[in-house]
Amino acid sequence: MSPFPIAALVYSTEINPAPVLGEVVRVLQARGVALAGAVQHDAGPREMCGMELEVLPGGARLPMSQELGAGSHACRLDPAALAEAAAQVRRAIDAGAALTVFNKFGAQEVNGEGLRDEMAAAVLAGVPLLTAVAERFVGQWTEFTGGEAEALPCTAEAALAWWARLQGETPG
């Protein structure tokens, strides 16, 4: 049985999937795999709202959080920065990516926003997709993919083995 061309690293609240996806991206880039998508990087303490998206394949980092001012205890996603990231991801998909990697299918995507449309565009273009999904969003992810996705442990090894199987290679 061949793997689905869509896979999610399923993670619990104790796990941060960003470093795992970052490692997968570094390994696959070193192997020459043409990537599209976006991976998250924390750019400072969480309480300081420091989140950036590294847009693939070029590696440009876009700040995704906007400060709401002194006295605010919340972060807010910057819609202009997200729109720019989405446009760059679409161009990379159209340029012929072999694999798309997205930082997560999270609350934004569950609500029909975030990079959800770019995820769908990748799949419709026939480009395999790898992302991370929190356990609490697995039901919505399953609905989004129509159950046509493989659930993986949240490790770089699992993601790289999935990619190898998808390519018809023996993992290892």
C-alpha atoms as a PDB file:
ATOM      1  CA  MET A   1       0.000   0.000   0.000  1.00  0.00           C
ATOM      2  CA  SER A   2       1.469   3.345  -1.007  1.00  0.00           C
ATOM      3  CA  PRO A   3       1.253   6.322   1.339  1.00  0.00           C
ATOM      4  CA  PHE A   4      -1.192   9.162   0.799  1.00  0.00           C
ATOM      5  CA  PRO A   5       0.427  12.225  -0.807  1.00  0.00           C
ATOM      6  CA  ILE A   6      -0.867  14.212   2.186  1.00  0.00           C
ATOM      7  CA  ALA A   7       0.589  13.750   5.655  1.00  0.00           C
ATOM      8  CA  ALA A   8       0.266  15.422   9.028  1.00  0.00           C
ATOM      9  CA  LEU A   9       2.615  15.285  11.962  1.00  0.00           C
ATOM     10  CA  VAL A  10       0.121  14.974  14.800  1.00  0.00           C
ATOM     11  CA  TYR A  11       1.292  16.667  17.979  1.00  0.00           C
ATOM     12  CA  SER A  12       0.146  17.184  21.558  1.00  0.00           C
ATOM     13  CA  THR A  13       0.305  20.439  23.506  1.00  0.00           C
ATOM     14  CA  GLU A  14       3.660  19.387  24.971  1.00  0.00           C
ATOM     15  CA  ILE A  15       5.308  19.313  21.529  1.00  0.00           C
ATOM     16  CA  ASN A  16       6.330  22.249  19.358  1.00  0.00           C
ATOM     17  CA  PRO A  17       6.237  21.012  15.751  1.00  0.00           C
ATOM     18  CA  ALA A  18       8.120  24.015  14.330  1.00  0.00           C
ATOM     19  CA  PRO A  19      11.644  22.684  14.985  1.00  0.00           C
ATOM     20  CA  VAL A  20      10.647  19.273  13.605  1.00  0.00           C
ATOM     21  CA  LEU A  21       9.376  20.751  10.342  1.00  0.00           C
ATOM     22  CA  GLY A  22      12.428  23.015  10.200  1.00  0.00           C
ATOM     23  CA  GLU A  23      14.706  19.987  10.381  1.00  0.00           C
ATOM     24  CA  VAL A  24      12.718  18.188   7.667  1.00  0.00           C
ATOM     25  CA  VAL A  25      13.010  21.240   5.413  1.00  0.00           C
ATOM     26  CA  ARG A  26      16.790  21.500   5.969  1.00  0.00           C
ATOM     27  CA  VAL A  27      17.320  17.809   5.174  1.00  0.00           C
ATOM     28  CA  LEU A  28      15.152  17.871   2.050  1.00  0.00           C
ATOM     29  CA  GLN A  29      16.708  21.104   0.792  1.00  0.00           C
ATOM     30  CA  ALA A  30      20.156  19.548   1.221  1.00  0.00           C
ATOM     31  CA  ARG A  31      18.927  16.641  -0.938  1.00  0.00           C
ATOM     32  CA  GLY A  32      17.794  19.056  -3.634  1.00  0.00           C
ATOM     33  CA  VAL A  33      14.035  18.569  -3.216  1.00  0.00           C
ATOM     34  CA  ALA A  34      12.090  21.493  -4.706  1.00  0.00           C
ATOM     35  CA  LEU A  35       9.974  22.790  -1.815  1.00  0.00           C
ATOM     36  CA  ALA A  36       7.153  25.287  -1.481  1.00  0.00           C
ATOM     37  CA  GLY A  37       5.274  26.363   1.619  1.00  0.00           C
ATOM     38  CA  ALA A  38       6.060  28.061   4.888  1.00  0.00           C
ATOM     39  CA  VAL A  39       7.558  27.011   8.199  1.00  0.00           C
ATOM     40  CA  GLN A  40       7.269  28.873  11.477  1.00  0.00           C
ATOM     41  CA  HIS A  41      10.088  30.275  13.553  1.00  0.00           C
ATOM     42  CA  ASP A  42       9.771  31.864  16.952  1.00  0.00           C
ATOM     43  CA  ALA A  43      11.529  35.215  16.893  1.00  0.00           C
ATOM     44  CA  GLY A  44      11.718  35.928  20.584  1.00  0.00           C
ATOM     45  CA  PRO A  45       9.716  35.022  23.652  1.00  0.00           C
ATOM     46  CA  ARG A  46       6.133  33.885  23.022  1.00  0.00           C
ATOM     47  CA  GLU A  47       4.864  36.621  25.295  1.00  0.00           C
ATOM     48  CA  MET A  48       6.474  39.133  22.911  1.00  0.00           C
ATOM     49  CA  CYS A  49       4.448  37.841  19.922  1.00  0.00           C
ATOM     50  CA  GLY A  50       7.547  37.044  17.921  1.00  0.00           C
ATOM     51  CA  MET A  51       6.511  34.690  15.137  1.00  0.00           C
ATOM     52  CA  GLU A  52       7.948  34.592  11.631  1.00  0.00           C
ATOM     53  CA  LEU A  53       7.132  32.453   8.616  1.00  0.00           C
ATOM     54  CA  GLU A  54      10.007  31.287   6.447  1.00  0.00           C
ATOM     55  CA  VAL A  55       8.597  31.123   2.937  1.00  0.00           C
ATOM     56  CA  LEU A  56       9.952  28.273   0.841  1.00  0.00           C
ATOM     57  CA  PRO A  57      11.960  27.823  -1.253  1.00  0.00           C
ATOM     58  CA  GLY A  58      13.708  31.196  -0.952  1.00  0.00           C
ATOM     59  CA  GLY A  59      13.857  31.376   2.818  1.00  0.00           C
ATOM     60  CA  ALA A  60      12.532  34.927   3.205  1.00  0.00           C
ATOM     61  CA  ARG A  61      11.251  35.431   6.739  1.00  0.00           C
ATOM     62  CA  LEU A  62       8.109  37.461   7.201  1.00  0.00           C
ATOM     63  CA  PRO A  63       7.023  38.665  10.655  1.00  0.00           C
ATOM     64  CA  MET A  64       3.497  37.335  11.231  1.00  0.00           C
ATOM     65  CA  SER A  65       2.578  38.999  14.500  1.00  0.00           C
ATOM     66  CA  GLN A  66       1.678  42.582  15.043  1.00  0.00           C
ATOM     67  CA  GLU A  67       1.933  44.188  18.425  1.00  0.00           C
ATOM     68  CA  LEU A  68      -1.281  45.597  19.792  1.00  0.00           C
ATOM     69  CA  GLY A  69       0.395  48.153  22.009  1.00  0.00           C
ATOM     70  CA  ALA A  70       1.352  48.546  25.629  1.00  0.00           C
ATOM     71  CA  GLY A  71      -1.131  47.006  27.994  1.00  0.00           C
ATOM     72  CA  SER A  72      -2.227  44.375  25.497  1.00  0.00           C
ATOM     73  CA  HIS A  73      -1.719  40.791  26.575  1.00  0.00           C
ATOM     74  CA  ALA A  74      -2.508  39.259  23.204  1.00  0.00           C
ATOM     75  CA  CYS A  75      -0.842  38.779  19.853  1.00  0.00           C
ATOM     76  CA  ARG A  76      -2.565  39.392  16.577  1.00  0.00           C
ATOM     77  CA  LEU A  77      -1.834  37.808  13.243  1.00  0.00           C
ATOM     78  CA  ASP A  78      -0.794  40.433  10.699  1.00  0.00           C
ATOM     79  CA  PRO A  79      -3.186  39.926   7.753  1.00  0.00           C
ATOM     80  CA  ALA A  80      -0.980  41.838   5.287  1.00  0.00           C
ATOM     81  CA  ALA A  81       2.039  39.676   6.124  1.00  0.00           C
ATOM     82  CA  LEU A  82      -0.057  36.513   5.830  1.00  0.00           C
ATOM     83  CA  ALA A  83      -1.364  37.633   2.429  1.00  0.00           C
ATOM     84  CA  GLU A  84       2.211  38.233   1.246  1.00  0.00           C
ATOM     85  CA  ALA A  85       3.280  34.789   2.480  1.00  0.00           C
ATOM     86  CA  ALA A  86       0.297  33.196   0.734  1.00  0.00           C
ATOM     87  CA  ALA A  87       1.143  34.908  -2.575  1.00  0.00           C
ATOM     88  CA  GLN A  88       4.764  33.750  -2.370  1.00  0.00           C
ATOM     89  CA  VAL A  89       3.684  30.185  -1.577  1.00  0.00           C
ATOM     90  CA  ARG A  90       1.309  30.152  -4.584  1.00  0.00           C
ATOM     91  CA  ARG A  91       4.120  31.302  -6.881  1.00  0.00           C
ATOM     92  CA  ALA A  92       6.394  28.544  -5.565  1.00  0.00           C
ATOM     93  CA  ILE A  93       3.682  25.905  -6.103  1.00  0.00           C
ATOM     94  CA  ASP A  94       3.144  27.172  -9.654  1.00  0.00           C
ATOM     95  CA  ALA A  95       6.900  27.066 -10.294  1.00  0.00           C
ATOM     96  CA  GLY A  96       6.907  23.281  -9.929  1.00  0.00           C
ATOM     97  CA  ALA A  97       7.479  22.255  -6.335  1.00  0.00           C
ATOM     98  CA  ALA A  98       7.945  18.559  -5.596  1.00  0.00           C
ATOM     99  CA  LEU A  99       6.622  18.920  -2.021  1.00  0.00           C
ATOM    100  CA  THR A 100       4.781  21.550  -0.017  1.00  0.00           C
ATOM    101  CA  VAL A 101       5.480  21.956   3.691  1.00  0.00           C
ATOM    102  CA  PHE A 102       3.181  24.061   5.844  1.00  0.00           C
ATOM    103  CA  ASN A 103       3.845  25.089   9.432  1.00  0.00           C
ATOM    104  CA  LYS A 104       0.492  23.780  10.653  1.00  0.00           C
ATOM    105  CA  PHE A 105      -3.167  23.247  10.077  1.00  0.00           C
ATOM    106  CA  GLY A 106      -4.211  25.299  13.066  1.00  0.00           C
ATOM    107  CA  ALA A 107      -7.007  27.527  14.316  1.00  0.00           C
ATOM    108  CA  GLN A 108      -6.760  29.889  11.343  1.00  0.00           C
ATOM    109  CA  GLU A 109      -7.064  27.029   8.856  1.00  0.00           C
ATOM    110  CA  VAL A 110      -9.876  25.388  10.836  1.00  0.00           C
ATOM    111  CA  ASN A 111     -11.771  28.676  10.413  1.00  0.00           C
ATOM    112  CA  GLY A 112     -11.149  28.751   6.645  1.00  0.00           C
ATOM    113  CA  GLU A 113      -8.316  31.260   6.861  1.00  0.00           C
ATOM    114  CA  GLY A 114      -4.531  31.183   7.244  1.00  0.00           C
ATOM    115  CA  LEU A 115      -2.821  29.129   4.536  1.00  0.00           C
ATOM    116  CA  ARG A 116      -5.777  26.777   4.041  1.00  0.00           C
ATOM    117  CA  ASP A 117      -6.354  27.859   0.428  1.00  0.00           C
ATOM    118  CA  GLU A 118      -2.665  27.340  -0.383  1.00  0.00           C
ATOM    119  CA  MET A 119      -2.818  23.845   1.099  1.00  0.00           C
ATOM    120  CA  ALA A 120      -5.805  23.069  -1.114  1.00  0.00           C
ATOM    121  CA  ALA A 121      -4.056  24.604  -4.137  1.00  0.00           C
ATOM    122  CA  ALA A 122      -1.041  22.358  -3.601  1.00  0.00           C
ATOM    123  CA  VAL A 123      -3.167  19.221  -3.435  1.00  0.00           C
ATOM    124  CA  LEU A 124      -5.233  20.270  -6.472  1.00  0.00           C
ATOM    125  CA  ALA A 125      -1.962  20.852  -8.365  1.00  0.00           C
ATOM    126  CA  GLY A 126      -0.888  17.308  -7.490  1.00  0.00           C
ATOM    127  CA  VAL A 127       1.902  18.418  -5.165  1.00  0.00           C
ATOM    128  CA  PRO A 128       2.303  16.301  -1.997  1.00  0.00           C
ATOM    129  CA  LEU A 129       1.655  18.134   1.258  1.00  0.00           C
ATOM    130  CA  LEU A 130       3.242  17.807   4.698  1.00  0.00           C
ATOM    131  CA  THR A 131       2.024  19.782   7.698  1.00  0.00           C
ATOM    132  CA  ALA A 132       1.534  19.544  11.453  1.00  0.00           C
ATOM    133  CA  VAL A 133      -1.846  19.180  13.156  1.00  0.00           C
ATOM    134  CA  ALA A 134      -2.561  19.545  16.854  1.00  0.00           C
ATOM    135  CA  GLU A 135      -4.469  16.618  18.331  1.00  0.00           C
ATOM    136  CA  ARG A 136      -7.425  18.930  19.021  1.00  0.00           C
ATOM    137  CA  PHE A 137      -7.773  19.702  15.288  1.00  0.00           C
ATOM    138  CA  VAL A 138      -7.491  16.161  13.909  1.00  0.00           C
ATOM    139  CA  GLY A 139     -11.253  15.976  13.285  1.00  0.00           C
ATOM    140  CA  GLN A 140     -11.256  19.190  11.246  1.00  0.00           C
ATOM    141  CA  TRP A 141      -8.119  18.060   9.400  1.00  0.00           C
ATOM    142  CA  THR A 142      -9.777  14.754   8.523  1.00  0.00           C
ATOM    143  CA  GLU A 143     -12.812  16.651   7.232  1.00  0.00           C
ATOM    144  CA  PHE A 144     -10.580  19.014   5.202  1.00  0.00           C
ATOM    145  CA  THR A 145      -8.680  16.127   3.591  1.00  0.00           C
ATOM    146  CA  GLY A 146     -11.692  13.860   3.224  1.00  0.00           C
ATOM    147  CA  GLY A 147      -9.792  11.277   5.257  1.00  0.00           C
ATOM    148  CA  GLU A 148      -7.180  11.043   2.484  1.00  0.00           C
ATOM    149  CA  ALA A 149      -4.183  11.860   4.658  1.00  0.00           C
ATOM    150  CA  GLU A 150      -1.640   9.893   6.621  1.00  0.00           C
ATOM    151  CA  ALA A 151      -1.180  10.654  10.327  1.00  0.00           C
ATOM    152  CA  LEU A 152       2.455  10.528  11.438  1.00  0.00           C
ATOM    153  CA  PRO A 153       4.208  10.884  14.777  1.00  0.00           C
ATOM    154  CA  CYS A 154       5.659  14.368  15.179  1.00  0.00           C
ATOM    155  CA  THR A 155       9.261  13.489  14.377  1.00  0.00           C
ATOM    156  CA  ALA A 156      11.578  14.391  11.525  1.00  0.00           C
ATOM    157  CA  GLU A 157      12.335  10.703  11.067  1.00  0.00           C
ATOM    158  CA  ALA A 158       8.647   9.892  10.482  1.00  0.00           C
ATOM    159  CA  ALA A 159       8.273  12.729   7.969  1.00  0.00           C
ATOM    160  CA  LEU A 160      11.434  11.792   6.073  1.00  0.00           C
ATOM    161  CA  ALA A 161      10.420   8.109   5.990  1.00  0.00           C
ATOM    162  CA  TRP A 162       6.986   9.138   4.613  1.00  0.00           C
ATOM    163  CA  TRP A 163       8.673  11.198   1.885  1.00  0.00           C
ATOM    164  CA  ALA A 164      11.018   8.319   1.019  1.00  0.00           C
ATOM    165  CA  ARG A 165       8.077   5.891   0.733  1.00  0.00           C
ATOM    166  CA  LEU A 166       6.194   8.391  -1.402  1.00  0.00           C
ATOM    167  CA  GLN A 167       9.190   8.537  -3.716  1.00  0.00           C
ATOM    168  CA  GLY A 168       9.374   4.727  -3.857  1.00  0.00           C
ATOM    169  CA  GLU A 169      12.612   4.677  -1.880  1.00  0.00           C
ATOM    170  CA  THR A 170      13.527   2.504   1.042  1.00  0.00           C
ATOM    171  CA  PRO A 171      13.689   4.750   4.115  1.00  0.00           C
ATOM    172  CA  GLY A 172      16.920   4.831   5.957  1.00  0.00           C
END
